[in-house]
Amino acid sequence: MARIPGSGIVRGMALTLTRFFQPKKTVMYPEVKPDIPPRNRGRLELVTDERGTLKCETCFQCAQACPIECIDMGGTDTKGRYAVHWGPAEQYAERREESAMRRSGRTVSDAAAAQESGIDLQPVEAALERVDYDPHHMLQILESVQGAYGYLPVDALKRISRATGAWYAMVYGTATFYKHLTFEPGRNRTIAVCRCANCLVAGAGRVINTLSFEFGTEFGQAIPWSNLRLEALSTHLPDAPSPLVVIDGEPQRELSSRNAESWAAALAGRYAA
């Protein structure tokens, strides 16, 4: 508290008078042009940082959150193919890596990214009709489409977006969020690991880490040199042991908590041979 009553008001008025006679800082735009830093020429530095590391992964979150829909988070990849797009019609050429087009880090295959691939969209229409073109059933639609094709074609996602009125960003975001949905054709064989509480206690985490290391991939992604996918099991099978690994629908009953790491390494070696 001030010792002299009113001293705070006096100090405030003194500061006001000091600022009153100082030069104005306001830039009278457009009569006066502001000084623009060399790195900023009307385009945001979102692609790579100063070390060349890719920053933008085309996750669509900024485009989805923009209230006036002025953000474009799409374009073509390094081979000039259509991959993903949402926003204005212009295309950006700064996509340095194909993996930037997949938030999960998976590369864009030729078959998946080919524009106008000419697939039969009748299964897509049937899936949409079953839910009356309601975008609130997006997961059910995507699962039905993957069940028909074995994967999610880009043309099918574009048709779903146009038919339901849902933003392509929302359709693509839903498809990449759930690990059991895939964009890659021909990868139907799976190595699924259960991650329930009992399996995690019994060593499922060690199995996942070992398989990810041996296969050179991440959990929930395809194994590059094979037709396999390493993914999570949706639910623990009845009367199945813990930890539980299912290969093409068959539970592996020789796996136990004691041999989790060695069994996983042997499995990876068997499929690599």
Protein backbone atom coordinates (compact mmCIF):
# COMPACT_ATOMS: atom_id res chain seq x y z
CA MET A 1 0.00 0.00 0.00
CA ALA A 2 1.14 3.57 -0.71
CA ARG A 3 2.22 5.51 2.38
CA ILE A 4 0.88 8.80 0.96
CA PRO A 5 -2.79 8.67 -0.09
CA GLY A 6 -3.17 9.44 -3.81
CA SER A 7 0.46 8.77 -4.70
CA GLY A 8 -0.56 5.91 -7.01
CA ILE A 9 -2.80 8.25 -8.98
CA VAL A 10 0.05 10.72 -9.32
CA ARG A 11 2.42 8.04 -10.61
CA GLY A 12 -0.20 6.85 -13.07
CA MET A 13 -0.80 10.35 -14.42
CA ALA A 14 2.97 10.86 -14.78
CA LEU A 15 3.25 7.68 -16.83
CA THR A 16 0.30 8.78 -18.98
CA LEU A 17 1.89 12.15 -19.73
CA THR A 18 5.20 10.48 -20.58
CA ARG A 19 3.55 8.13 -23.08
CA PHE A 20 1.38 10.92 -24.46
CA PHE A 21 4.32 12.90 -25.86
CA GLN A 22 6.22 9.87 -27.21
CA PRO A 23 6.13 9.07 -30.98
CA LYS A 24 3.28 6.84 -32.06
CA LYS A 25 4.08 3.18 -32.77
CA THR A 26 1.05 2.58 -35.01
CA VAL A 27 1.87 1.62 -38.62
CA MET A 28 -0.58 3.31 -40.98
CA TYR A 29 -1.11 0.33 -43.28
CA PRO A 30 -1.38 0.27 -46.31
CA GLU A 31 0.13 3.77 -46.65
CA VAL A 32 3.12 2.61 -44.59
CA LYS A 33 4.50 -0.84 -45.38
CA PRO A 34 5.77 -2.82 -42.38
CA ASP A 35 9.21 -4.37 -42.46
CA ILE A 36 8.80 -8.06 -43.31
CA PRO A 37 11.50 -10.50 -42.12
CA PRO A 38 13.39 -12.25 -44.94
CA ARG A 39 11.98 -15.68 -43.98
CA ASN A 40 8.37 -14.51 -44.28
CA ARG A 41 7.02 -13.77 -47.74
CA GLY A 42 3.36 -14.44 -47.14
CA ARG A 43 3.73 -18.21 -46.66
CA LEU A 44 4.02 -20.03 -43.38
CA GLU A 45 7.16 -22.03 -42.61
CA LEU A 46 5.31 -25.27 -41.88
CA VAL A 47 7.06 -27.81 -44.08
CA THR A 48 10.59 -28.19 -42.73
CA ASP A 49 12.53 -26.65 -39.90
CA GLU A 50 16.02 -25.17 -40.05
CA ARG A 51 17.51 -28.68 -39.86
CA GLY A 52 15.42 -30.00 -42.73
CA THR A 53 13.18 -32.11 -40.49
CA LEU A 54 9.63 -32.52 -41.74
CA LYS A 55 7.19 -30.68 -39.48
CA CYS A 56 3.83 -30.77 -41.25
CA GLU A 57 2.41 -34.30 -41.49
CA THR A 58 -0.90 -33.34 -43.09
CA CYS A 59 -2.96 -34.34 -40.09
CA PHE A 60 -5.76 -31.97 -41.22
CA GLN A 61 -6.40 -30.70 -37.69
CA CYS A 62 -5.79 -27.05 -38.56
CA ALA A 63 -7.94 -27.32 -41.70
CA GLN A 64 -10.67 -29.01 -39.71
CA ALA A 65 -10.60 -26.37 -36.96
CA CYS A 66 -10.50 -23.33 -39.28
CA PRO A 67 -13.89 -21.57 -38.90
CA ILE A 68 -13.87 -20.03 -42.39
CA GLU A 69 -12.28 -23.03 -44.15
CA CYS A 70 -9.40 -21.07 -45.61
CA ILE A 71 -6.63 -23.53 -44.75
CA ASP A 72 -5.46 -26.00 -47.39
CA MET A 73 -3.78 -29.12 -46.02
CA GLY A 74 -3.53 -31.16 -49.16
CA GLY A 75 -1.64 -31.44 -52.40
CA THR A 76 0.39 -33.86 -54.43
CA ASP A 77 3.23 -36.06 -53.30
CA THR A 78 6.75 -36.26 -54.70
CA LYS A 79 5.62 -38.26 -57.72
CA GLY A 80 2.86 -35.84 -58.67
CA ARG A 81 0.02 -38.19 -57.67
CA TYR A 82 -3.16 -37.21 -55.92
CA ALA A 83 -3.02 -38.28 -52.31
CA VAL A 84 -5.08 -36.25 -49.83
CA HIS A 85 -6.62 -32.83 -50.07
CA TRP A 86 -8.89 -30.52 -48.18
CA GLY A 87 -9.26 -26.82 -48.78
CA PRO A 88 -8.82 -24.47 -51.77
CA ALA A 89 -7.91 -25.81 -55.16
CA GLU A 90 -4.26 -24.76 -55.22
CA GLN A 91 -1.63 -27.45 -54.83
CA TYR A 92 1.56 -27.10 -52.83
CA ALA A 93 4.84 -28.52 -54.08
CA GLU A 94 6.70 -28.53 -50.77
CA ARG A 95 5.83 -32.12 -49.91
CA ARG A 96 9.34 -33.48 -49.43
CA GLU A 97 8.49 -37.04 -48.49
CA GLU A 98 5.70 -39.39 -49.40
CA SER A 99 5.32 -40.34 -45.76
CA ALA A 100 4.11 -36.80 -45.08
CA MET A 101 0.84 -37.76 -46.74
CA ARG A 102 0.15 -40.39 -44.10
CA ARG A 103 -0.11 -39.21 -40.52
CA SER A 104 0.83 -42.67 -39.33
CA GLY A 105 4.09 -42.58 -41.29
CA ARG A 106 3.08 -45.16 -43.87
CA THR A 107 4.23 -44.45 -47.42
CA VAL A 108 1.72 -43.81 -50.18
CA SER A 109 1.63 -46.78 -52.52
CA ASP A 110 1.04 -46.33 -56.25
CA ALA A 111 -2.20 -48.28 -56.14
CA ALA A 112 -3.57 -46.40 -53.13
CA ALA A 113 -2.72 -42.90 -54.38
CA ALA A 114 -3.55 -43.31 -58.07
CA GLN A 115 -6.05 -40.69 -59.19
CA GLU A 116 -9.18 -42.05 -60.81
CA SER A 117 -8.20 -45.65 -60.14
CA GLY A 118 -11.50 -46.82 -61.63
CA ILE A 119 -12.62 -49.12 -58.83
CA ASP A 120 -16.22 -50.22 -58.62
CA LEU A 121 -17.89 -47.97 -56.04
CA GLN A 122 -21.03 -50.08 -55.69
CA PRO A 123 -19.88 -51.55 -52.33
CA VAL A 124 -19.37 -48.00 -51.09
CA GLU A 125 -22.90 -47.04 -52.12
CA ALA A 126 -24.29 -50.12 -50.40
CA ALA A 127 -22.46 -49.26 -47.19
CA LEU A 128 -23.74 -45.69 -47.33
CA GLU A 129 -27.33 -46.77 -47.97
CA ARG A 130 -27.29 -49.06 -44.93
CA VAL A 131 -26.71 -46.06 -42.65
CA ASP A 132 -28.83 -43.64 -44.72
CA TYR A 133 -25.73 -41.58 -45.64
CA ASP A 134 -25.37 -40.50 -42.01
CA PRO A 135 -21.80 -39.31 -41.25
CA HIS A 136 -22.32 -40.10 -37.56
CA HIS A 137 -21.84 -43.77 -38.53
CA MET A 138 -18.47 -43.08 -40.17
CA LEU A 139 -16.63 -45.94 -38.45
CA GLN A 140 -19.29 -48.43 -39.54
CA ILE A 141 -19.07 -47.12 -43.12
CA LEU A 142 -15.29 -47.41 -43.22
CA GLU A 143 -15.34 -50.92 -41.76
CA SER A 144 -17.90 -52.00 -44.38
CA VAL A 145 -15.79 -50.52 -47.19
CA GLN A 146 -12.64 -52.23 -45.93
CA GLY A 147 -14.54 -55.48 -45.63
CA ALA A 148 -15.52 -55.19 -49.30
CA TYR A 149 -12.14 -54.17 -50.73
CA GLY A 150 -9.71 -55.46 -48.14
CA TYR A 151 -8.42 -51.91 -47.62
CA LEU A 152 -9.62 -48.29 -47.95
CA PRO A 153 -9.16 -46.96 -51.50
CA VAL A 154 -8.69 -43.21 -51.89
CA ASP A 155 -11.58 -43.05 -54.36
CA ALA A 156 -13.85 -44.66 -51.77
CA LEU A 157 -12.92 -42.04 -49.17
CA LYS A 158 -13.59 -39.26 -51.66
CA ARG A 159 -17.02 -40.76 -52.45
CA ILE A 160 -17.85 -41.09 -48.75
CA SER A 161 -16.94 -37.43 -48.20
CA ARG A 162 -19.07 -36.21 -51.09
CA ALA A 163 -22.07 -38.43 -50.30
CA THR A 164 -22.26 -37.80 -46.55
CA GLY A 165 -21.21 -34.14 -46.60
CA ALA A 166 -18.46 -34.86 -44.08
CA TRP A 167 -15.17 -33.05 -44.52
CA TYR A 168 -12.49 -35.15 -46.14
CA ALA A 169 -10.35 -34.23 -43.15
CA MET A 170 -12.83 -35.93 -40.82
CA VAL A 171 -13.11 -39.03 -43.02
CA TYR A 172 -9.35 -39.35 -43.35
CA GLY A 173 -8.79 -38.59 -39.67
CA THR A 174 -11.22 -41.33 -38.64
CA ALA A 175 -9.58 -43.81 -41.00
CA THR A 176 -6.09 -43.13 -39.65
CA PHE A 177 -7.13 -43.09 -35.99
CA TYR A 178 -8.27 -46.72 -35.84
CA LYS A 179 -5.39 -49.17 -36.20
CA HIS A 180 -7.43 -51.92 -37.83
CA LEU A 181 -8.15 -49.76 -40.88
CA THR A 182 -5.54 -49.81 -43.64
CA PHE A 183 -4.84 -47.91 -46.86
CA GLU A 184 -2.58 -50.56 -48.35
CA PRO A 185 -4.00 -53.25 -50.64
CA GLY A 186 -2.82 -56.82 -50.53
CA ARG A 187 -1.84 -56.79 -46.86
CA ASN A 188 -4.51 -58.98 -45.38
CA ARG A 189 -2.41 -61.26 -43.16
CA THR A 190 -2.08 -60.03 -39.60
CA ILE A 191 -0.08 -60.67 -36.47
CA ALA A 192 -2.38 -59.39 -33.74
CA VAL A 193 -1.32 -58.97 -30.11
CA CYS A 194 -3.88 -58.67 -27.34
CA ARG A 195 -3.29 -55.70 -25.03
CA CYS A 196 -5.81 -56.43 -22.30
CA ALA A 197 -4.71 -56.08 -18.68
CA ASN A 198 -3.99 -59.78 -18.20
CA CYS A 199 -1.92 -60.02 -21.38
CA LEU A 200 0.09 -56.91 -20.55
CA VAL A 201 0.91 -58.32 -17.11
CA ALA A 202 1.87 -61.65 -18.70
CA GLY A 203 4.34 -60.03 -21.11
CA ALA A 204 2.42 -58.72 -24.12
CA GLY A 205 4.40 -55.48 -23.95
CA ARG A 206 7.67 -57.38 -24.35
CA VAL A 207 6.20 -59.26 -27.31
CA ILE A 208 5.17 -56.00 -28.98
CA ASN A 209 8.56 -54.38 -28.43
CA THR A 210 10.44 -57.41 -29.71
CA LEU A 211 8.27 -57.83 -32.81
CA SER A 212 8.47 -54.10 -33.61
CA PHE A 213 12.26 -54.19 -33.32
CA GLU A 214 12.74 -57.39 -35.29
CA PHE A 215 10.31 -56.47 -38.05
CA GLY A 216 11.60 -52.88 -38.28
CA THR A 217 8.15 -51.33 -38.03
CA GLU A 218 5.83 -49.75 -35.50
CA PHE A 219 2.87 -51.35 -33.80
CA GLY A 220 -0.25 -50.87 -35.91
CA GLN A 221 1.61 -50.60 -39.24
CA ALA A 222 2.44 -52.88 -42.11
CA ILE A 223 5.68 -54.83 -42.27
CA PRO A 224 7.46 -53.35 -45.32
CA TRP A 225 8.96 -56.50 -46.83
CA SER A 226 5.96 -58.81 -46.40
CA ASN A 227 2.19 -58.97 -46.69
CA LEU A 228 1.78 -58.86 -42.90
CA ARG A 229 0.51 -56.24 -40.51
CA LEU A 230 1.41 -55.91 -36.85
CA GLU A 231 -1.70 -54.75 -35.03
CA ALA A 232 -3.74 -54.93 -31.85
CA LEU A 233 -6.34 -57.59 -31.16
CA SER A 234 -9.74 -56.04 -30.58
CA THR A 235 -10.67 -58.36 -27.69
CA HIS A 236 -9.27 -61.33 -25.82
CA LEU A 237 -10.52 -64.61 -27.24
CA PRO A 238 -12.46 -66.98 -24.96
CA ASP A 239 -10.34 -69.66 -23.27
CA ALA A 240 -7.18 -68.23 -24.85
CA PRO A 241 -3.93 -68.00 -22.87
CA SER A 242 -2.13 -64.85 -21.79
CA PRO A 243 -0.20 -63.28 -23.41
CA LEU A 244 -2.20 -63.84 -26.59
CA VAL A 245 -0.87 -63.52 -30.14
CA VAL A 246 -3.14 -64.38 -33.07
CA ILE A 247 -1.68 -65.02 -36.54
CA ASP A 248 -4.29 -65.03 -39.32
CA GLY A 249 -7.01 -65.80 -36.77
CA GLU A 250 -5.14 -68.68 -35.11
CA PRO A 251 -4.12 -68.25 -31.43
CA GLN A 252 -0.50 -69.15 -30.71
CA ARG A 253 -0.75 -71.37 -27.64
CA GLU A 254 2.96 -72.12 -27.29
CA LEU A 255 3.56 -68.55 -26.11
CA SER A 256 3.86 -67.98 -22.37
CA SER A 257 5.04 -65.26 -20.02
CA ARG A 258 8.41 -66.98 -19.60
CA ASN A 259 9.34 -67.24 -23.27
CA ALA A 260 7.67 -64.03 -24.54
CA GLU A 261 10.81 -62.33 -25.87
CA SER A 262 12.50 -65.42 -27.28
CA TRP A 263 9.25 -66.58 -28.91
CA ALA A 264 8.72 -63.18 -30.54
CA ALA A 265 12.30 -63.13 -31.85
CA ALA A 266 11.89 -66.65 -33.26
CA LEU A 267 8.60 -65.65 -34.91
CA ALA A 268 10.20 -62.64 -36.59
CA GLY A 269 13.07 -64.78 -37.80
CA ARG A 270 10.68 -67.37 -39.23
CA TYR A 271 8.76 -64.81 -41.29
CA ALA A 272 11.96 -63.07 -42.37
CA ALA A 273 13.42 -66.27 -43.77
